[in-house]
Amino acid sequence: GVTQAAMWQFPLKFNSGIMRARFNAKDGQLYQCGLKGWQTSATKDGGFYRVRYTGKPVNAPAEFHVRKNGVEIKFTTALDTASAADAGNWSVEQWNLIYSGNYGSPEVSTDDPGKRSHDKVTLAGVRVLPDQKSVLLEIPGIKPVNQMRIKFSVKAADGTPITSEVFNTIHKVPSK
């Protein structure tokens, strides 16, 4: 009943910032536009882009769910069980922000808000779920957090590398 958020970076490069991506109902293509703004390495002041579907699979995260014992990430394709279940292929860190009337915030420890740092999260295990597309990252004592970064380097069932990171916010951990 609480909105949670997660995002991953689309694996394409554009010459300007990107916002307002929309699929066109008539041609099924993805259209995006954007401007050069702060916090960007864009080389152009603006742009309008079309991303065409090539028919090739997009090996990427598709869903993110907070569970009482960790986080579940579902991918668009079946995963290689050995690489996906190897905790060494996953790295998790988290941090909080300080709410105030000021612009911006230092990134602070979730355990010690007086300390400017990210906290490394130790995984109790990584389980590939029966659908072969989802993994459960078991995180003992999972709790709400402003920012969590999950880095991974795994393989799809066909051996294709899937390397990326997911950023998420946890507002509430379910009790069931």
N, C-alpha and C. Protein backbone atom coordinates (compact mmCIF):
# COMPACT_ATOMS: atom_id res chain seq x y z
N GLY A 1 0.79 -1.20 0.00
CA GLY A 1 0.00 0.00 0.00
C GLY A 1 0.83 1.27 0.00
N VAL A 2 2.15 1.14 -0.07
CA VAL A 2 3.03 2.31 -0.08
C VAL A 2 3.85 2.28 -1.37
N THR A 3 3.94 3.42 -2.02
CA THR A 3 4.73 3.50 -3.25
C THR A 3 6.21 3.35 -2.92
N GLN A 4 6.87 2.44 -3.60
CA GLN A 4 8.32 2.26 -3.51
C GLN A 4 8.87 2.65 -4.88
N ALA A 5 10.13 2.96 -4.96
CA ALA A 5 10.69 3.37 -6.25
C ALA A 5 12.03 2.70 -6.51
N ALA A 6 12.24 2.35 -7.76
CA ALA A 6 13.53 1.80 -8.20
C ALA A 6 13.75 2.23 -9.64
N MET A 7 15.01 2.39 -10.03
CA MET A 7 15.32 2.76 -11.40
C MET A 7 16.65 2.15 -11.81
N TRP A 8 16.80 1.95 -13.09
CA TRP A 8 18.07 1.54 -13.68
C TRP A 8 18.29 2.38 -14.92
N GLN A 9 19.52 2.55 -15.30
CA GLN A 9 19.84 3.41 -16.45
C GLN A 9 19.61 2.65 -17.75
N PHE A 10 18.83 3.25 -18.63
CA PHE A 10 18.60 2.67 -19.94
C PHE A 10 19.95 2.55 -20.64
N PRO A 11 20.27 1.42 -21.25
CA PRO A 11 21.63 1.21 -21.77
C PRO A 11 21.90 1.86 -23.12
N LEU A 12 21.48 3.10 -23.29
CA LEU A 12 21.73 3.83 -24.52
C LEU A 12 22.32 5.19 -24.18
N LYS A 13 23.05 5.76 -25.12
CA LYS A 13 23.66 7.08 -24.92
C LYS A 13 22.97 8.09 -25.83
N PHE A 14 22.72 9.27 -25.29
CA PHE A 14 22.08 10.34 -26.05
C PHE A 14 22.92 11.60 -25.93
N ASN A 15 22.76 12.53 -26.88
CA ASN A 15 23.56 13.75 -26.91
C ASN A 15 23.02 14.85 -26.00
N SER A 16 21.86 14.64 -25.41
CA SER A 16 21.30 15.63 -24.48
C SER A 16 20.66 14.88 -23.33
N GLY A 17 20.22 15.62 -22.34
CA GLY A 17 19.48 14.99 -21.27
C GLY A 17 18.20 14.39 -21.82
N ILE A 18 17.63 13.42 -21.12
CA ILE A 18 16.43 12.73 -21.60
C ILE A 18 15.33 12.81 -20.55
N MET A 19 14.14 13.15 -21.02
CA MET A 19 12.95 13.16 -20.17
C MET A 19 11.75 12.81 -21.04
N ARG A 20 10.65 12.55 -20.38
CA ARG A 20 9.35 12.41 -21.04
C ARG A 20 9.33 11.34 -22.12
N ALA A 21 9.95 10.20 -21.88
CA ALA A 21 9.91 9.11 -22.85
C ALA A 21 8.49 8.57 -22.97
N ARG A 22 8.06 8.34 -24.19
CA ARG A 22 6.71 7.83 -24.45
C ARG A 22 6.74 6.87 -25.63
N PHE A 23 5.93 5.81 -25.53
CA PHE A 23 5.74 4.91 -26.66
C PHE A 23 4.61 5.44 -27.53
N ASN A 24 4.81 5.43 -28.84
CA ASN A 24 3.80 5.88 -29.78
C ASN A 24 2.86 4.71 -30.08
N ALA A 25 1.57 4.92 -29.88
CA ALA A 25 0.58 3.85 -30.09
C ALA A 25 0.50 3.40 -31.55
N LYS A 26 0.83 4.27 -32.49
CA LYS A 26 0.72 3.92 -33.91
C LYS A 26 1.89 3.09 -34.42
N ASP A 27 3.11 3.44 -34.03
CA ASP A 27 4.26 2.70 -34.56
C ASP A 27 4.98 1.86 -33.50
N GLY A 28 4.60 1.99 -32.23
CA GLY A 28 5.21 1.18 -31.18
C GLY A 28 6.61 1.60 -30.79
N GLN A 29 7.13 2.66 -31.37
CA GLN A 29 8.49 3.10 -31.08
C GLN A 29 8.52 4.00 -29.85
N LEU A 30 9.68 4.08 -29.24
CA LEU A 30 9.88 4.92 -28.07
C LEU A 30 10.46 6.26 -28.51
N TYR A 31 9.79 7.34 -28.12
CA TYR A 31 10.25 8.69 -28.44
C TYR A 31 10.65 9.39 -27.15
N GLN A 32 11.76 10.13 -27.22
CA GLN A 32 12.27 10.83 -26.05
C GLN A 32 12.75 12.21 -26.46
N CYS A 33 12.67 13.14 -25.55
CA CYS A 33 13.24 14.46 -25.80
C CYS A 33 13.90 14.92 -24.52
N GLY A 34 14.70 15.94 -24.64
CA GLY A 34 15.36 16.44 -23.44
C GLY A 34 16.22 17.64 -23.72
N LEU A 35 16.66 18.24 -22.65
CA LEU A 35 17.51 19.42 -22.70
C LEU A 35 18.77 19.18 -21.90
N LYS A 36 19.77 19.97 -22.18
CA LYS A 36 20.98 19.94 -21.39
C LYS A 36 20.71 20.73 -20.11
N GLY A 37 20.94 20.12 -18.98
CA GLY A 37 20.70 20.79 -17.71
C GLY A 37 21.86 20.53 -16.77
N TRP A 38 21.64 20.78 -15.50
CA TRP A 38 22.69 20.53 -14.54
C TRP A 38 22.86 19.03 -14.36
N GLN A 39 23.99 18.62 -13.88
CA GLN A 39 24.31 17.22 -13.62
C GLN A 39 24.21 16.36 -14.88
N THR A 40 24.78 16.83 -15.97
CA THR A 40 24.74 16.06 -17.20
C THR A 40 26.08 16.17 -17.92
N SER A 41 26.38 15.15 -18.68
CA SER A 41 27.57 15.19 -19.54
C SER A 41 27.14 15.36 -21.00
N ALA A 42 25.93 15.88 -21.21
CA ALA A 42 25.38 16.05 -22.55
C ALA A 42 26.27 16.96 -23.39
N THR A 43 26.32 16.67 -24.68
CA THR A 43 27.13 17.48 -25.61
C THR A 43 26.27 18.44 -26.43
N LYS A 44 24.95 18.24 -26.44
CA LYS A 44 24.04 19.11 -27.19
C LYS A 44 23.07 19.79 -26.23
N ASP A 45 22.54 20.95 -26.63
CA ASP A 45 21.60 21.68 -25.79
C ASP A 45 20.25 21.00 -25.68
N GLY A 46 19.87 20.23 -26.68
CA GLY A 46 18.59 19.54 -26.65
C GLY A 46 18.50 18.53 -27.77
N GLY A 47 17.45 17.71 -27.73
CA GLY A 47 17.29 16.72 -28.78
C GLY A 47 15.95 16.02 -28.72
N PHE A 48 15.59 15.39 -29.83
CA PHE A 48 14.39 14.58 -29.94
C PHE A 48 14.84 13.26 -30.56
N TYR A 49 14.54 12.14 -29.92
CA TYR A 49 15.12 10.85 -30.31
C TYR A 49 14.04 9.79 -30.46
N ARG A 50 14.29 8.87 -31.39
CA ARG A 50 13.44 7.69 -31.54
C ARG A 50 14.30 6.47 -31.26
N VAL A 51 13.80 5.59 -30.42
CA VAL A 51 14.48 4.33 -30.14
C VAL A 51 13.65 3.23 -30.79
N ARG A 52 14.26 2.52 -31.73
CA ARG A 52 13.54 1.47 -32.46
C ARG A 52 13.82 0.10 -31.83
N TYR A 53 12.78 -0.69 -31.78
CA TYR A 53 12.91 -2.08 -31.31
C TYR A 53 13.57 -2.90 -32.42
N THR A 54 14.63 -3.60 -32.07
CA THR A 54 15.39 -4.37 -33.07
C THR A 54 14.98 -5.83 -33.13
N GLY A 55 14.17 -6.26 -32.17
CA GLY A 55 13.82 -7.68 -32.12
C GLY A 55 14.74 -8.46 -31.20
N LYS A 56 15.85 -7.85 -30.80
CA LYS A 56 16.78 -8.51 -29.89
C LYS A 56 16.27 -8.35 -28.45
N PRO A 57 16.57 -9.32 -27.59
CA PRO A 57 16.10 -9.21 -26.21
C PRO A 57 16.79 -8.06 -25.47
N VAL A 58 16.07 -7.46 -24.57
CA VAL A 58 16.63 -6.44 -23.69
C VAL A 58 16.85 -7.15 -22.35
N ASN A 59 18.08 -7.46 -22.06
CA ASN A 59 18.41 -8.17 -20.82
C ASN A 59 18.59 -7.14 -19.71
N ALA A 60 17.53 -6.93 -18.94
CA ALA A 60 17.55 -5.85 -17.97
C ALA A 60 16.56 -6.13 -16.84
N PRO A 61 16.71 -5.39 -15.74
CA PRO A 61 15.70 -5.49 -14.67
C PRO A 61 14.36 -4.98 -15.19
N ALA A 62 13.27 -5.65 -14.77
CA ALA A 62 11.93 -5.24 -15.20
C ALA A 62 11.03 -4.90 -14.02
N GLU A 63 11.28 -5.52 -12.87
CA GLU A 63 10.46 -5.27 -11.68
C GLU A 63 11.35 -5.27 -10.45
N PHE A 64 10.88 -4.55 -9.43
CA PHE A 64 11.60 -4.47 -8.16
C PHE A 64 10.55 -4.53 -7.04
N HIS A 65 10.77 -5.41 -6.07
CA HIS A 65 9.83 -5.55 -4.95
C HIS A 65 10.59 -5.67 -3.64
N VAL A 66 10.12 -4.97 -2.63
CA VAL A 66 10.68 -5.09 -1.28
C VAL A 66 9.95 -6.24 -0.61
N ARG A 67 10.71 -7.14 -0.01
CA ARG A 67 10.15 -8.28 0.73
C ARG A 67 10.55 -8.14 2.20
N LYS A 68 9.93 -8.89 3.07
CA LYS A 68 10.24 -8.80 4.50
C LYS A 68 11.67 -9.24 4.81
N ASN A 69 12.27 -10.02 3.91
CA ASN A 69 13.62 -10.54 4.14
C ASN A 69 14.62 -10.10 3.08
N GLY A 70 14.27 -9.07 2.30
CA GLY A 70 15.22 -8.60 1.28
C GLY A 70 14.52 -7.90 0.14
N VAL A 71 15.16 -7.91 -1.01
CA VAL A 71 14.59 -7.31 -2.21
C VAL A 71 14.59 -8.33 -3.34
N GLU A 72 13.55 -8.27 -4.15
CA GLU A 72 13.41 -9.16 -5.29
C GLU A 72 13.52 -8.33 -6.57
N ILE A 73 14.36 -8.78 -7.47
CA ILE A 73 14.51 -8.13 -8.77
C ILE A 73 14.15 -9.14 -9.85
N LYS A 74 13.20 -8.77 -10.69
CA LYS A 74 12.80 -9.64 -11.80
C LYS A 74 13.38 -9.07 -13.08
N PHE A 75 13.98 -9.93 -13.88
CA PHE A 75 14.61 -9.54 -15.14
C PHE A 75 13.69 -9.88 -16.32
N THR A 76 14.02 -9.36 -17.47
CA THR A 76 13.22 -9.59 -18.67
C THR A 76 13.52 -10.94 -19.31
N THR A 77 14.54 -11.60 -18.85
CA THR A 77 14.97 -12.86 -19.47
C THR A 77 15.38 -13.84 -18.38
N ALA A 78 15.40 -15.11 -18.72
CA ALA A 78 15.87 -16.13 -17.78
C ALA A 78 17.35 -15.91 -17.48
N LEU A 79 17.74 -16.20 -16.25
CA LEU A 79 19.11 -15.97 -15.80
C LEU A 79 19.90 -17.27 -15.72
N ASP A 80 21.21 -17.17 -15.88
CA ASP A 80 22.11 -18.28 -15.60
C ASP A 80 22.12 -18.46 -14.09
N THR A 81 21.64 -19.58 -13.62
CA THR A 81 21.46 -19.79 -12.19
C THR A 81 22.76 -19.65 -11.40
N ALA A 82 23.85 -20.20 -11.92
CA ALA A 82 25.12 -20.15 -11.18
C ALA A 82 25.60 -18.71 -10.99
N SER A 83 25.57 -17.90 -12.04
CA SER A 83 26.08 -16.54 -11.90
C SER A 83 25.12 -15.67 -11.09
N ALA A 84 23.81 -15.86 -11.27
CA ALA A 84 22.84 -15.04 -10.55
C ALA A 84 22.81 -15.36 -9.06
N ALA A 85 23.07 -16.61 -8.69
CA ALA A 85 23.03 -17.01 -7.28
C ALA A 85 24.35 -16.76 -6.56
N ASP A 86 25.37 -16.33 -7.27
CA ASP A 86 26.68 -16.06 -6.67
C ASP A 86 26.68 -14.68 -6.02
N ALA A 87 26.70 -14.64 -4.69
CA ALA A 87 26.66 -13.37 -3.96
C ALA A 87 27.82 -12.45 -4.34
N GLY A 88 28.90 -13.01 -4.83
CA GLY A 88 30.04 -12.21 -5.26
C GLY A 88 29.75 -11.36 -6.49
N ASN A 89 28.66 -11.66 -7.19
CA ASN A 89 28.29 -10.90 -8.37
C ASN A 89 27.33 -9.75 -8.05
N TRP A 90 27.08 -9.56 -6.76
CA TRP A 90 26.16 -8.52 -6.30
C TRP A 90 26.85 -7.66 -5.25
N SER A 91 26.57 -6.37 -5.27
CA SER A 91 27.11 -5.45 -4.27
C SER A 91 25.98 -4.49 -3.90
N VAL A 92 25.76 -4.30 -2.59
CA VAL A 92 24.68 -3.44 -2.14
C VAL A 92 25.22 -2.45 -1.12
N GLU A 93 24.84 -1.19 -1.28
CA GLU A 93 25.15 -0.16 -0.29
C GLU A 93 23.94 0.74 -0.13
N GLN A 94 23.85 1.39 1.01
CA GLN A 94 22.70 2.26 1.28
C GLN A 94 23.13 3.47 2.08
N TRP A 95 22.29 4.52 2.02
CA TRP A 95 22.55 5.73 2.77
C TRP A 95 21.26 6.52 2.90
N ASN A 96 21.26 7.46 3.79
CA ASN A 96 20.11 8.34 3.99
C ASN A 96 20.47 9.77 3.66
N LEU A 97 19.46 10.61 3.58
CA LEU A 97 19.62 12.04 3.38
C LEU A 97 19.03 12.75 4.59
N ILE A 98 19.45 13.97 4.81
CA ILE A 98 18.95 14.75 5.93
C ILE A 98 17.92 15.75 5.40
N TYR A 99 16.68 15.61 5.86
CA TYR A 99 15.63 16.54 5.44
C TYR A 99 15.84 17.87 6.14
N SER A 100 15.78 18.96 5.35
CA SER A 100 15.93 20.29 5.93
C SER A 100 15.39 21.32 4.92
N GLY A 101 15.40 22.56 5.30
CA GLY A 101 15.00 23.64 4.41
C GLY A 101 16.10 24.02 3.43
N ASN A 102 17.27 23.46 3.59
CA ASN A 102 18.40 23.77 2.72
C ASN A 102 18.34 22.95 1.44
N TYR A 103 18.98 23.44 0.39
CA TYR A 103 19.06 22.70 -0.85
C TYR A 103 20.11 21.61 -0.73
N GLY A 104 19.74 20.38 -1.09
CA GLY A 104 20.69 19.28 -1.06
C GLY A 104 20.90 18.74 0.33
N SER A 105 21.67 17.68 0.39
CA SER A 105 21.95 17.03 1.66
C SER A 105 23.21 16.21 1.54
N PRO A 106 23.95 16.10 2.63
CA PRO A 106 25.04 15.13 2.61
C PRO A 106 24.46 13.72 2.62
N GLU A 107 25.19 12.76 2.11
CA GLU A 107 24.80 11.36 2.16
C GLU A 107 25.33 10.80 3.47
N VAL A 108 24.42 10.32 4.33
CA VAL A 108 24.81 9.91 5.68
C VAL A 108 24.49 8.44 5.93
N SER A 109 25.20 7.89 6.88
CA SER A 109 25.03 6.49 7.27
C SER A 109 23.61 6.25 7.77
N THR A 110 23.07 5.10 7.44
CA THR A 110 21.74 4.72 7.93
C THR A 110 21.79 4.36 9.41
N ASP A 111 22.95 3.93 9.89
CA ASP A 111 23.10 3.54 11.29
C ASP A 111 23.57 4.70 12.17
N ASP A 112 24.33 5.62 11.58
CA ASP A 112 24.87 6.76 12.34
C ASP A 112 24.71 8.02 11.50
N PRO A 113 23.56 8.74 11.63
CA PRO A 113 23.29 9.91 10.80
C PRO A 113 24.33 11.03 10.94
N GLY A 114 25.17 10.98 11.96
CA GLY A 114 26.22 11.97 12.11
C GLY A 114 27.44 11.66 11.26
N LYS A 115 27.45 10.52 10.63
CA LYS A 115 28.60 10.08 9.84
C LYS A 115 28.26 10.17 8.35
N ARG A 116 29.09 10.90 7.60
CA ARG A 116 28.89 11.02 6.15
C ARG A 116 29.51 9.82 5.46
N SER A 117 28.65 8.86 5.16
CA SER A 117 29.15 7.65 4.49
C SER A 117 28.00 6.80 3.98
N HIS A 118 28.35 5.88 3.09
CA HIS A 118 27.42 4.85 2.64
C HIS A 118 27.70 3.61 3.49
N ASP A 119 26.66 2.85 3.76
CA ASP A 119 26.80 1.61 4.53
C ASP A 119 26.78 0.43 3.57
N LYS A 120 27.79 -0.43 3.68
CA LYS A 120 27.80 -1.66 2.91
C LYS A 120 26.76 -2.60 3.50
N VAL A 121 25.97 -3.23 2.64
CA VAL A 121 24.95 -4.17 3.07
C VAL A 121 25.46 -5.58 2.82
N THR A 122 25.47 -6.39 3.86
CA THR A 122 25.90 -7.78 3.74
C THR A 122 24.71 -8.65 3.35
N LEU A 123 24.87 -9.40 2.28
CA LEU A 123 23.81 -10.29 1.84
C LEU A 123 23.92 -11.62 2.56
N ALA A 124 22.81 -12.10 3.09
CA ALA A 124 22.79 -13.42 3.72
C ALA A 124 22.76 -14.51 2.65
N GLY A 125 22.32 -14.15 1.47
CA GLY A 125 22.26 -15.09 0.36
C GLY A 125 21.59 -14.48 -0.84
N VAL A 126 21.70 -15.16 -1.95
CA VAL A 126 21.03 -14.76 -3.18
C VAL A 126 20.35 -16.02 -3.72
N ARG A 127 19.04 -15.94 -3.91
CA ARG A 127 18.29 -17.09 -4.41
C ARG A 127 17.67 -16.76 -5.76
N VAL A 128 17.87 -17.65 -6.72
CA VAL A 128 17.16 -17.54 -7.99
C VAL A 128 15.80 -18.20 -7.76
N LEU A 129 14.73 -17.50 -8.08
CA LEU A 129 13.38 -17.98 -7.84
C LEU A 129 12.93 -18.92 -8.96
N PRO A 130 11.88 -19.70 -8.72
CA PRO A 130 11.47 -20.72 -9.69
C PRO A 130 11.22 -20.24 -11.12
N ASP A 131 10.83 -18.97 -11.31
CA ASP A 131 10.61 -18.49 -12.69
C ASP A 131 11.91 -18.31 -13.46
N GLN A 132 13.05 -18.46 -12.80
CA GLN A 132 14.39 -18.33 -13.39
C GLN A 132 14.71 -16.92 -13.87
N LYS A 133 13.77 -15.98 -13.69
CA LYS A 133 13.99 -14.59 -14.09
C LYS A 133 14.18 -13.67 -12.88
N SER A 134 13.85 -14.17 -11.70
CA SER A 134 13.86 -13.33 -10.50
C SER A 134 14.90 -13.81 -9.51
N VAL A 135 15.48 -12.84 -8.80
CA VAL A 135 16.41 -13.17 -7.72
C VAL A 135 15.92 -12.49 -6.45
N LEU A 136 16.14 -13.15 -5.34
CA LEU A 136 15.87 -12.57 -4.03
C LEU A 136 17.20 -12.33 -3.36
N LEU A 137 17.51 -11.06 -3.11
CA LEU A 137 18.71 -10.70 -2.36
C LEU A 137 18.29 -10.68 -0.89
N GLU A 138 18.78 -11.65 -0.12
CA GLU A 138 18.38 -11.78 1.28
C GLU A 138 19.18 -10.80 2.12
N ILE A 139 18.46 -9.87 2.76
CA ILE A 139 19.07 -8.80 3.55
C ILE A 139 18.50 -8.87 4.96
N PRO A 140 19.27 -9.43 5.90
CA PRO A 140 18.77 -9.49 7.28
C PRO A 140 18.55 -8.09 7.85
N GLY A 141 17.43 -7.90 8.52
CA GLY A 141 17.16 -6.60 9.15
C GLY A 141 16.90 -5.49 8.16
N ILE A 142 16.41 -5.81 6.98
CA ILE A 142 16.12 -4.77 5.98
C ILE A 142 15.19 -3.73 6.59
N LYS A 143 15.45 -2.46 6.28
CA LYS A 143 14.67 -1.37 6.85
C LYS A 143 14.51 -0.26 5.83
N PRO A 144 13.59 0.67 6.08
CA PRO A 144 13.44 1.80 5.17
C PRO A 144 14.76 2.57 5.01
N VAL A 145 14.98 3.07 3.80
CA VAL A 145 16.22 3.79 3.49
C VAL A 145 15.95 4.75 2.34
N ASN A 146 16.58 5.93 2.39
CA ASN A 146 16.41 6.90 1.31
C ASN A 146 17.01 6.41 0.00
N GLN A 147 18.21 5.85 0.05
CA GLN A 147 18.91 5.44 -1.16
C GLN A 147 19.57 4.08 -0.95
N MET A 148 19.40 3.21 -1.93
CA MET A 148 20.11 1.93 -1.97
C MET A 148 20.61 1.75 -3.39
N ARG A 149 21.85 1.32 -3.51
CA ARG A 149 22.42 1.03 -4.83
C ARG A 149 22.79 -0.45 -4.87
N ILE A 150 22.25 -1.15 -5.86
CA ILE A 150 22.54 -2.57 -6.05
C ILE A 150 23.28 -2.70 -7.37
N LYS A 151 24.55 -3.08 -7.30
CA LYS A 151 25.34 -3.32 -8.51
C LYS A 151 25.38 -4.82 -8.76
N PHE A 152 25.34 -5.19 -10.03
CA PHE A 152 25.39 -6.62 -10.35
C PHE A 152 26.06 -6.86 -11.68
N SER A 153 26.64 -8.04 -11.79
CA SER A 153 27.24 -8.51 -13.03
C SER A 153 26.95 -10.00 -13.10
N VAL A 154 25.87 -10.35 -13.80
CA VAL A 154 25.42 -11.73 -13.92
C VAL A 154 25.31 -12.08 -15.40
N LYS A 155 24.82 -13.28 -15.68
CA LYS A 155 24.63 -13.69 -17.06
C LYS A 155 23.19 -14.14 -17.27
N ALA A 156 22.72 -13.91 -18.48
CA ALA A 156 21.43 -14.47 -18.89
C ALA A 156 21.63 -15.96 -19.12
N ALA A 157 20.55 -16.71 -19.21
CA ALA A 157 20.64 -18.16 -19.42
C ALA A 157 21.42 -18.50 -20.68
N ASP A 158 21.38 -17.62 -21.69
CA ASP A 158 22.12 -17.87 -22.93
C ASP A 158 23.58 -17.42 -22.86
N GLY A 159 24.02 -16.94 -21.69
CA GLY A 159 25.41 -16.53 -21.49
C GLY A 159 25.68 -15.06 -21.71
N THR A 160 24.70 -14.30 -22.16
CA THR A 160 24.87 -12.87 -22.38
C THR A 160 25.09 -12.15 -21.05
N PRO A 161 26.15 -11.34 -20.94
CA PRO A 161 26.38 -10.60 -19.70
C PRO A 161 25.29 -9.56 -19.43
N ILE A 162 24.91 -9.44 -18.17
CA ILE A 162 23.98 -8.40 -17.74
C ILE A 162 24.66 -7.68 -16.58
N THR A 163 25.16 -6.48 -16.86
CA THR A 163 25.89 -5.70 -15.86
C THR A 163 25.24 -4.33 -15.77
N SER A 164 24.82 -3.96 -14.58
CA SER A 164 24.18 -2.67 -14.40
C SER A 164 24.08 -2.38 -12.91
N GLU A 165 23.24 -1.42 -12.58
CA GLU A 165 22.95 -1.12 -11.19
C GLU A 165 21.53 -0.61 -11.08
N VAL A 166 20.92 -0.88 -9.94
CA VAL A 166 19.57 -0.43 -9.63
C VAL A 166 19.67 0.50 -8.44
N PHE A 167 19.06 1.67 -8.53
CA PHE A 167 18.94 2.58 -7.39
C PHE A 167 17.50 2.51 -6.92
N ASN A 168 17.31 2.46 -5.61
CA ASN A 168 15.95 2.36 -5.10
C ASN A 168 15.80 3.08 -3.77
N THR A 169 14.55 3.33 -3.41
CA THR A 169 14.17 3.89 -2.12
C THR A 169 13.19 2.92 -1.48
N ILE A 170 13.37 2.66 -0.20
CA ILE A 170 12.45 1.80 0.53
C ILE A 170 11.74 2.65 1.57
N HIS A 171 10.43 2.83 1.39
CA HIS A 171 9.63 3.57 2.34
C HIS A 171 9.07 2.69 3.44
N LYS A 172 8.77 1.43 3.08
CA LYS A 172 8.17 0.52 4.04
C LYS A 172 8.57 -0.90 3.69
N VAL A 173 8.86 -1.68 4.72
CA VAL A 173 9.17 -3.10 4.55
C VAL A 173 7.92 -3.88 4.94
N PRO A 174 7.40 -4.74 4.06
CA PRO A 174 6.20 -5.49 4.39
C PRO A 174 6.43 -6.46 5.55
N SER A 175 5.40 -6.71 6.32
CA SER A 175 5.54 -7.62 7.46
C SER A 175 5.30 -9.08 7.07
N LYS A 176 4.72 -9.30 5.90
CA LYS A 176 4.46 -10.68 5.45
C LYS A 176 5.29 -11.03 4.26
